[in-house]
Amino acid sequence: MAPALAHALEFPGKMRLRREEYFAVQHIYYPGFTIGGGIGEVGGFVTSALLVFLTPGNRPPSISRLGACGLIAMQAVYWILVHPVNKAWLKVPSRARL
């Protein structure tokens, strides 16, 4: 959840930037989030999936199991909705979007 929290915390600052500055900043930070955050997100997804699928079904849902389901849902939203947009944005040169 660290990359998601980092994005949420940087959002107010980015909203104060002009359009040109915003697009310049996006291209600077995106590769770092992809590499560093991607490793942690894969580990979090795997452990969350293990927690959900290896917990016996006859037990009442625990907070950790519900949290794991939330993390899995967050990954689904990212890969289905957000990642295609990020991928399209990275293909277009920043000057073309200004």
Protein backbone atom coordinates (compact mmCIF):
# COMPACT_ATOMS: atom_id res chain seq x y z
CA MET A 1 0.00 0.00 0.00
CA ALA A 2 3.03 2.30 0.22
CA PRO A 3 2.90 3.46 -3.45
CA ALA A 4 -0.83 4.16 -3.18
CA LEU A 5 -0.29 6.15 0.01
CA ALA A 6 2.60 8.05 -1.58
CA HIS A 7 0.41 8.99 -4.54
CA ALA A 8 -2.35 10.15 -2.21
CA LEU A 9 0.05 12.26 -0.14
CA GLU A 10 1.65 13.93 -3.18
CA PHE A 11 -1.72 14.77 -4.77
CA PRO A 12 -2.34 18.14 -3.00
CA GLY A 13 1.11 19.37 -4.03
CA LYS A 14 0.65 18.28 -7.63
CA MET A 15 -2.68 20.07 -7.85
CA ARG A 16 -0.86 23.37 -7.25
CA LEU A 17 1.37 22.87 -10.30
CA ARG A 18 0.72 24.40 -13.70
CA ARG A 19 -0.14 21.98 -16.50
CA GLU A 20 3.38 21.96 -17.95
CA GLU A 21 4.96 21.37 -14.55
CA TYR A 22 2.51 18.57 -13.75
CA PHE A 23 3.36 16.63 -16.91
CA ALA A 24 7.10 17.13 -16.34
CA VAL A 25 6.84 15.77 -12.79
CA GLN A 26 4.84 12.74 -13.90
CA HIS A 27 7.62 11.59 -16.25
CA ILE A 28 10.27 12.09 -13.58
CA TYR A 29 8.65 10.00 -10.84
CA TYR A 30 6.83 7.26 -12.75
CA PRO A 31 9.83 4.94 -13.40
CA GLY A 32 10.77 4.95 -9.70
CA PHE A 33 7.27 4.02 -8.63
CA THR A 34 7.21 1.23 -11.20
CA ILE A 35 10.42 -0.43 -10.05
CA GLY A 36 10.47 0.17 -6.31
CA GLY A 37 6.76 -0.02 -5.71
CA GLY A 38 6.21 -2.91 -8.07
CA ILE A 39 8.39 -5.27 -6.07
CA GLY A 40 6.53 -4.50 -2.85
CA GLU A 41 3.13 -4.68 -4.51
CA VAL A 42 3.85 -8.15 -5.93
CA GLY A 43 4.87 -9.41 -2.49
CA GLY A 44 1.79 -7.86 -0.90
CA PHE A 45 -0.49 -9.38 -3.50
CA VAL A 46 0.99 -12.86 -3.10
CA THR A 47 0.76 -12.82 0.69
CA SER A 48 -2.78 -11.39 0.56
CA ALA A 49 -3.89 -14.10 -1.86
CA LEU A 50 -2.33 -16.77 0.34
CA LEU A 51 -4.12 -15.38 3.39
CA VAL A 52 -7.48 -15.36 1.62
CA PHE A 53 -7.23 -18.78 0.02
CA LEU A 54 -5.50 -20.70 2.82
CA THR A 55 -7.78 -19.54 5.64
CA PRO A 56 -10.41 -22.22 6.30
CA GLY A 57 -13.82 -21.29 4.90
CA ASN A 58 -15.75 -22.36 8.00
CA ARG A 59 -14.18 -19.60 10.14
CA PRO A 60 -15.75 -16.13 10.44
CA PRO A 61 -13.99 -13.47 8.37
CA SER A 62 -11.17 -11.75 10.24
CA ILE A 63 -10.03 -8.17 9.81
CA SER A 64 -6.79 -9.36 8.23
CA ARG A 65 -8.68 -11.50 5.72
CA LEU A 66 -11.01 -8.59 4.84
CA GLY A 67 -7.96 -6.34 4.46
CA ALA A 68 -6.35 -8.89 2.16
CA CYS A 69 -9.50 -8.94 0.02
CA GLY A 70 -9.32 -5.13 -0.14
CA LEU A 71 -5.71 -5.24 -1.32
CA ILE A 72 -6.62 -7.77 -4.01
CA ALA A 73 -9.52 -5.55 -5.12
CA MET A 74 -7.17 -2.55 -5.21
CA GLN A 75 -4.80 -4.46 -7.49
CA ALA A 76 -7.69 -5.39 -9.79
CA VAL A 77 -8.80 -1.75 -10.06
CA TYR A 78 -5.24 -0.65 -10.81
CA TRP A 79 -4.59 -3.20 -13.56
CA ILE A 80 -8.01 -2.87 -15.19
CA LEU A 81 -8.56 0.91 -14.98
CA VAL A 82 -5.42 2.84 -14.07
CA HIS A 83 -2.56 0.99 -15.78
CA PRO A 84 -3.97 1.26 -19.33
CA VAL A 85 -4.27 5.04 -18.88
CA ASN A 86 -0.71 5.33 -17.49
CA LYS A 87 0.59 3.24 -20.38
CA ALA A 88 -1.12 5.50 -22.93
CA TRP A 89 0.20 8.64 -21.22
CA LEU A 90 3.76 7.37 -21.29
CA LYS A 91 3.62 6.72 -25.04
CA VAL A 92 2.74 10.34 -25.88
CA PRO A 93 5.69 12.76 -25.72
CA SER A 94 5.14 15.39 -23.00
CA ARG A 95 5.35 18.29 -25.47
CA ALA A 96 2.48 16.88 -27.53
CA ARG A 97 0.16 17.01 -24.50
CA LEU A 98 0.88 20.66 -23.67
